Amino acid sequence: MRRELLTPISPEELEEIRVKIGAEVRLNLLGRIEHNGILLNRILIEGSTEEIKRFMEKLRLARAGG
């Protein structure tokens, strides 16, 4: 499965989170866009549906301070 993510989080930080939680997903930088003055990274996440869901949940918690 594939999912695209638009985020201001750097690819390096996303990779650190992926490694820390042991998610079996692949992260690919597709490019960068500017939206309302904010630079966003276009990230393609590839992996099983379960692993992508797990990564996204842990990412949400990590960014929320949980």
PDB file of N, CA and C in Angstrom:
ATOM      1  N   MET A   1       0.839  -1.172   0.000  1.00  0.00           N
ATOM      2  CA  MET A   1       0.000   0.000   0.000  1.00  0.00           C
ATOM      3  C   MET A   1       0.889   1.242   0.000  1.00  0.00           C
ATOM      4  N   ARG A   2       0.347   2.320  -0.521  1.00  0.00           N
ATOM      5  CA  ARG A   2       1.066   3.594  -0.567  1.00  0.00           C
ATOM      6  C   ARG A   2       0.180   4.687   0.006  1.00  0.00           C
ATOM      7  N   ARG A   3       0.824   5.634   0.666  1.00  0.00           N
ATOM      8  CA  ARG A   3       0.106   6.796   1.182  1.00  0.00           C
ATOM      9  C   ARG A   3       1.032   7.996   1.076  1.00  0.00           C
ATOM     10  N   GLU A   4       0.481   9.104   0.625  1.00  0.00           N
ATOM     11  CA  GLU A   4       1.272  10.323   0.523  1.00  0.00           C
ATOM     12  C   GLU A   4       0.987  11.205   1.737  1.00  0.00           C
ATOM     13  N   LEU A   5       2.037  11.817   2.248  1.00  0.00           N
ATOM     14  CA  LEU A   5       1.957  12.664   3.426  1.00  0.00           C
ATOM     15  C   LEU A   5       2.560  14.020   3.104  1.00  0.00           C
ATOM     16  N   LEU A   6       1.854  15.086   3.425  1.00  0.00           N
ATOM     17  CA  LEU A   6       2.386  16.446   3.333  1.00  0.00           C
ATOM     18  C   LEU A   6       2.659  16.895   4.752  1.00  0.00           C
ATOM     19  N   THR A   7       3.916  17.239   5.043  1.00  0.00           N
ATOM     20  CA  THR A   7       4.293  17.564   6.408  1.00  0.00           C
ATOM     21  C   THR A   7       5.471  18.527   6.452  1.00  0.00           C
ATOM     22  N   PRO A   8       5.499  19.383   7.466  1.00  0.00           N
ATOM     23  CA  PRO A   8       6.685  20.227   7.637  1.00  0.00           C
ATOM     24  C   PRO A   8       7.830  19.471   8.323  1.00  0.00           C
ATOM     25  N   ILE A   9       7.579  18.260   8.785  1.00  0.00           N
ATOM     26  CA  ILE A   9       8.595  17.446   9.457  1.00  0.00           C
ATOM     27  C   ILE A   9       9.655  17.028   8.439  1.00  0.00           C
ATOM     28  N   SER A  10      10.909  17.145   8.820  1.00  0.00           N
ATOM     29  CA  SER A  10      12.000  16.800   7.897  1.00  0.00           C
ATOM     30  C   SER A  10      12.030  15.290   7.642  1.00  0.00           C
ATOM     31  N   PRO A  11      12.500  14.892   6.454  1.00  0.00           N
ATOM     32  CA  PRO A  11      12.630  13.465   6.160  1.00  0.00           C
ATOM     33  C   PRO A  11      13.535  12.750   7.170  1.00  0.00           C
ATOM     34  N   GLU A  12      14.564  13.443   7.656  1.00  0.00           N
ATOM     35  CA  GLU A  12      15.475  12.844   8.633  1.00  0.00           C
ATOM     36  C   GLU A  12      14.751  12.542   9.943  1.00  0.00           C
ATOM     37  N   GLU A  13      13.907  13.458  10.384  1.00  0.00           N
ATOM     38  CA  GLU A  13      13.154  13.233  11.617  1.00  0.00           C
ATOM     39  C   GLU A  13      12.133  12.107  11.440  1.00  0.00           C
ATOM     40  N   LEU A  14      11.492  12.052  10.283  1.00  0.00           N
ATOM     41  CA  LEU A  14      10.553  10.959  10.013  1.00  0.00           C
ATOM     42  C   LEU A  14      11.269   9.615  10.046  1.00  0.00           C
ATOM     43  N   GLU A  15      12.464   9.582   9.473  1.00  0.00           N
ATOM     44  CA  GLU A  15      13.251   8.339   9.467  1.00  0.00           C
ATOM     45  C   GLU A  15      13.640   7.942  10.885  1.00  0.00           C
ATOM     46  N   GLU A  16      14.016   8.910  11.722  1.00  0.00           N
ATOM     47  CA  GLU A  16      14.342   8.614  13.121  1.00  0.00           C
ATOM     48  C   GLU A  16      13.150   8.007  13.844  1.00  0.00           C
ATOM     49  N   ILE A  17      11.973   8.558  13.615  1.00  0.00           N
ATOM     50  CA  ILE A  17      10.755   8.028  14.243  1.00  0.00           C
ATOM     51  C   ILE A  17      10.487   6.618  13.736  1.00  0.00           C
ATOM     52  N   ARG A  18      10.639   6.404  12.426  1.00  0.00           N
ATOM     53  CA  ARG A  18      10.412   5.076  11.839  1.00  0.00           C
ATOM     54  C   ARG A  18      11.323   4.034  12.480  1.00  0.00           C
ATOM     55  N   VAL A  19      12.598   4.377  12.610  1.00  0.00           N
ATOM     56  CA  VAL A  19      13.571   3.451  13.195  1.00  0.00           C
ATOM     57  C   VAL A  19      13.253   3.194  14.671  1.00  0.00           C
ATOM     58  N   LYS A  20      12.947   4.258  15.399  1.00  0.00           N
ATOM     59  CA  LYS A  20      12.673   4.147  16.830  1.00  0.00           C
ATOM     60  C   LYS A  20      11.511   3.202  17.130  1.00  0.00           C
ATOM     61  N   ILE A  21      10.459   3.264  16.315  1.00  0.00           N
ATOM     62  CA  ILE A  21       9.297   2.403  16.577  1.00  0.00           C
ATOM     63  C   ILE A  21       9.376   1.067  15.834  1.00  0.00           C
ATOM     64  N   GLY A  22      10.363   0.937  14.956  1.00  0.00           N
ATOM     65  CA  GLY A  22      10.540  -0.318  14.231  1.00  0.00           C
ATOM     66  C   GLY A  22       9.482  -0.568  13.173  1.00  0.00           C
ATOM     67  N   ALA A  23       8.941   0.499  12.605  1.00  0.00           N
ATOM     68  CA  ALA A  23       7.907   0.349  11.574  1.00  0.00           C
ATOM     69  C   ALA A  23       8.530  -0.163  10.282  1.00  0.00           C
ATOM     70  N   GLU A  24       7.892  -1.133   9.695  1.00  0.00           N
ATOM     71  CA  GLU A  24       8.374  -1.702   8.441  1.00  0.00           C
ATOM     72  C   GLU A  24       7.704  -0.986   7.272  1.00  0.00           C
ATOM     73  N   VAL A  25       8.072   0.280   7.112  1.00  0.00           N
ATOM     74  CA  VAL A  25       7.598   1.098   6.002  1.00  0.00           C
ATOM     75  C   VAL A  25       8.807   1.732   5.339  1.00  0.00           C
ATOM     76  N   ARG A  26       8.614   2.138   4.100  1.00  0.00           N
ATOM     77  CA  ARG A  26       9.668   2.823   3.353  1.00  0.00           C
ATOM     78  C   ARG A  26       9.201   4.261   3.138  1.00  0.00           C
ATOM     79  N   LEU A  27      10.087   5.217   3.385  1.00  0.00           N
ATOM     80  CA  LEU A  27       9.775   6.632   3.236  1.00  0.00           C
ATOM     81  C   LEU A  27      10.570   7.201   2.073  1.00  0.00           C
ATOM     82  N   ASN A  28       9.884   7.853   1.144  1.00  0.00           N
ATOM     83  CA  ASN A  28      10.545   8.446  -0.021  1.00  0.00           C
ATOM     84  C   ASN A  28      10.118   9.900  -0.151  1.00  0.00           C
ATOM     85  N   LEU A  29      11.091  10.796  -0.237  1.00  0.00           N
ATOM     86  CA  LEU A  29      10.813  12.209  -0.447  1.00  0.00           C
ATOM     87  C   LEU A  29      10.469  12.416  -1.916  1.00  0.00           C
ATOM     88  N   LEU A  30       9.253  12.910  -2.177  1.00  0.00           N
ATOM     89  CA  LEU A  30       8.816  13.157  -3.548  1.00  0.00           C
ATOM     90  C   LEU A  30       9.123  14.580  -3.991  1.00  0.00           C
ATOM     91  N   GLY A  31       9.299  15.456  -3.038  1.00  0.00           N
ATOM     92  CA  GLY A  31       9.582  16.842  -3.358  1.00  0.00           C
ATOM     93  C   GLY A  31       9.114  17.741  -2.236  1.00  0.00           C
ATOM     94  N   ARG A  32       9.186  19.034  -2.492  1.00  0.00           N
ATOM     95  CA  ARG A  32       8.760  20.022  -1.501  1.00  0.00           C
ATOM     96  C   ARG A  32       7.855  21.033  -2.179  1.00  0.00           C
ATOM     97  N   ILE A  33       6.863  21.495  -1.430  1.00  0.00           N
ATOM     98  CA  ILE A  33       5.985  22.542  -1.932  1.00  0.00           C
ATOM     99  C   ILE A  33       5.833  23.598  -0.845  1.00  0.00           C
ATOM    100  N   GLU A  34       5.489  24.793  -1.266  1.00  0.00           N
ATOM    101  CA  GLU A  34       5.209  25.845  -0.302  1.00  0.00           C
ATOM    102  C   GLU A  34       3.710  26.064  -0.291  1.00  0.00           C
ATOM    103  N   HIS A  35       3.132  26.082   0.905  1.00  0.00           N
ATOM    104  CA  HIS A  35       1.695  26.278   1.059  1.00  0.00           C
ATOM    105  C   HIS A  35       1.476  27.305   2.163  1.00  0.00           C
ATOM    106  N   ASN A  36       0.886  28.439   1.807  1.00  0.00           N
ATOM    107  CA  ASN A  36       0.643  29.520   2.766  1.00  0.00           C
ATOM    108  C   ASN A  36       1.916  29.930   3.504  1.00  0.00           C
ATOM    109  N   GLY A  37       3.021  29.965   2.789  1.00  0.00           N
ATOM    110  CA  GLY A  37       4.285  30.385   3.378  1.00  0.00           C
ATOM    111  C   GLY A  37       5.011  29.317   4.176  1.00  0.00           C
ATOM    112  N   ILE A  38       4.460  28.105   4.211  1.00  0.00           N
ATOM    113  CA  ILE A  38       5.081  27.005   4.963  1.00  0.00           C
ATOM    114  C   ILE A  38       5.636  25.993   3.967  1.00  0.00           C
ATOM    115  N   LEU A  39       6.889  25.603   4.152  1.00  0.00           N
ATOM    116  CA  LEU A  39       7.503  24.593   3.297  1.00  0.00           C
ATOM    117  C   LEU A  39       7.079  23.212   3.777  1.00  0.00           C
ATOM    118  N   LEU A  40       6.450  22.450   2.891  1.00  0.00           N
ATOM    119  CA  LEU A  40       5.971  21.107   3.223  1.00  0.00           C
ATOM    120  C   LEU A  40       6.717  20.072   2.386  1.00  0.00           C
ATOM    121  N   ASN A  41       7.051  18.954   3.019  1.00  0.00           N
ATOM    122  CA  ASN A  41       7.678  17.832   2.336  1.00  0.00           C
ATOM    123  C   ASN A  41       6.590  16.875   1.869  1.00  0.00           C
ATOM    124  N   ARG A  42       6.698  16.437   0.617  1.00  0.00           N
ATOM    125  CA  ARG A  42       5.799  15.405   0.098  1.00  0.00           C
ATOM    126  C   ARG A  42       6.518  14.071   0.293  1.00  0.00           C
ATOM    127  N   ILE A  43       5.966  13.242   1.183  1.00  0.00           N
ATOM    128  CA  ILE A  43       6.582  11.968   1.528  1.00  0.00           C
ATOM    129  C   ILE A  43       5.665  10.839   1.074  1.00  0.00           C
ATOM    130  N   LEU A  44       6.216   9.872   0.372  1.00  0.00           N
ATOM    131  CA  LEU A  44       5.487   8.670   0.008  1.00  0.00           C
ATOM    132  C   LEU A  44       5.834   7.598   1.028  1.00  0.00           C
ATOM    133  N   ILE A  45       4.808   7.055   1.665  1.00  0.00           N
ATOM    134  CA  ILE A  45       4.987   5.982   2.645  1.00  0.00           C
ATOM    135  C   ILE A  45       4.513   4.696   1.992  1.00  0.00           C
ATOM    136  N   GLU A  46       5.378   3.683   1.972  1.00  0.00           N
ATOM    137  CA  GLU A  46       5.036   2.394   1.375  1.00  0.00           C
ATOM    138  C   GLU A  46       5.191   1.290   2.418  1.00  0.00           C
ATOM    139  N   GLY A  47       4.237   0.379   2.438  1.00  0.00           N
ATOM    140  CA  GLY A  47       4.273  -0.744   3.363  1.00  0.00           C
ATOM    141  C   GLY A  47       2.893  -1.354   3.460  1.00  0.00           C
ATOM    142  N   SER A  48       2.751  -2.285   4.387  1.00  0.00           N
ATOM    143  CA  SER A  48       1.434  -2.900   4.578  1.00  0.00           C
ATOM    144  C   SER A  48       0.492  -1.884   5.222  1.00  0.00           C
ATOM    145  N   THR A  49      -0.786  -2.096   5.036  1.00  0.00           N
ATOM    146  CA  THR A  49      -1.788  -1.197   5.615  1.00  0.00           C
ATOM    147  C   THR A  49      -1.604  -1.076   7.118  1.00  0.00           C
ATOM    148  N   GLU A  50      -1.363  -2.185   7.783  1.00  0.00           N
ATOM    149  CA  GLU A  50      -1.205  -2.185   9.239  1.00  0.00           C
ATOM    150  C   GLU A  50       0.024  -1.396   9.670  1.00  0.00           C
ATOM    151  N   GLU A  51       1.127  -1.572   8.962  1.00  0.00           N
ATOM    152  CA  GLU A  51       2.359  -0.869   9.311  1.00  0.00           C
ATOM    153  C   GLU A  51       2.237   0.633   9.052  1.00  0.00           C
ATOM    154  N   ILE A  52       1.573   1.009   7.978  1.00  0.00           N
ATOM    155  CA  ILE A  52       1.373   2.434   7.702  1.00  0.00           C
ATOM    156  C   ILE A  52       0.496   3.050   8.780  1.00  0.00           C
ATOM    157  N   LYS A  53      -0.571   2.362   9.163  1.00  0.00           N
ATOM    158  CA  LYS A  53      -1.442   2.865  10.236  1.00  0.00           C
ATOM    159  C   LYS A  53      -0.668   3.008  11.538  1.00  0.00           C
ATOM    160  N   ARG A  54       0.141   2.019  11.856  1.00  0.00           N
ATOM    161  CA  ARG A  54       0.934   2.057  13.086  1.00  0.00           C
ATOM    162  C   ARG A  54       1.929   3.220  13.052  1.00  0.00           C
ATOM    163  N   PHE A  55       2.611   3.408  11.920  1.00  0.00           N
ATOM    164  CA  PHE A  55       3.554   4.504  11.782  1.00  0.00           C
ATOM    165  C   PHE A  55       2.853   5.851  11.935  1.00  0.00           C
ATOM    166  N   MET A  56       1.717   6.019  11.276  1.00  0.00           N
ATOM    167  CA  MET A  56       0.993   7.286  11.338  1.00  0.00           C
ATOM    168  C   MET A  56       0.513   7.581  12.756  1.00  0.00           C
ATOM    169  N   GLU A  57       0.061   6.566  13.478  1.00  0.00           N
ATOM    170  CA  GLU A  57      -0.388   6.760  14.858  1.00  0.00           C
ATOM    171  C   GLU A  57       0.780   7.165  15.753  1.00  0.00           C
ATOM    172  N   LYS A  58       1.905   6.483  15.619  1.00  0.00           N
ATOM    173  CA  LYS A  58       3.082   6.819  16.426  1.00  0.00           C
ATOM    174  C   LYS A  58       3.627   8.189  16.053  1.00  0.00           C
ATOM    175  N   LEU A  59       3.550   8.550  14.785  1.00  0.00           N
ATOM    176  CA  LEU A  59       3.978   9.874  14.343  1.00  0.00           C
ATOM    177  C   LEU A  59       3.098  10.939  14.983  1.00  0.00           C
ATOM    178  N   ARG A  60       1.802  10.710  14.984  1.00  0.00           N
ATOM    179  CA  ARG A  60       0.871  11.653  15.596  1.00  0.00           C
ATOM    180  C   ARG A  60       1.193  11.833  17.085  1.00  0.00           C
ATOM    181  N   LEU A  61       1.425  10.733  17.772  1.00  0.00           N
ATOM    182  CA  LEU A  61       1.744  10.801  19.197  1.00  0.00           C
ATOM    183  C   LEU A  61       3.086  11.493  19.448  1.00  0.00           C
ATOM    184  N   ALA A  62       4.063  11.205  18.614  1.00  0.00           N
ATOM    185  CA  ALA A  62       5.387  11.809  18.775  1.00  0.00           C
ATOM    186  C   ALA A  62       5.321  13.322  18.580  1.00  0.00           C
ATOM    187  N   ARG A  63       4.557  13.754  17.619  1.00  0.00           N
ATOM    188  CA  ARG A  63       4.456  15.194  17.340  1.00  0.00           C
ATOM    189  C   ARG A  63       3.564  15.900  18.353  1.00  0.00           C
ATOM    190  N   ALA A  64       2.679  15.152  19.025  1.00  0.00           N
ATOM    191  CA  ALA A  64       1.788  15.756  20.019  1.00  0.00           C
ATOM    192  C   ALA A  64       2.432  15.735  21.406  1.00  0.00           C
ATOM    193  N   GLY A  65       3.614  15.144  21.491  1.00  0.00           N
ATOM    194  CA  GLY A  65       4.307  15.087  22.777  1.00  0.00           C
ATOM    195  C   GLY A  65       3.937  13.872  23.605  1.00  0.00           C
ATOM    196  N   GLY A  66       3.245  12.898  22.981  1.00  0.00           N
ATOM    197  CA  GLY A  66       2.828  11.708  23.730  1.00  0.00           C
ATOM    198  C   GLY A  66       3.738  10.613  23.474  1.00  0.00           C
TER     199      GLY A  66
END
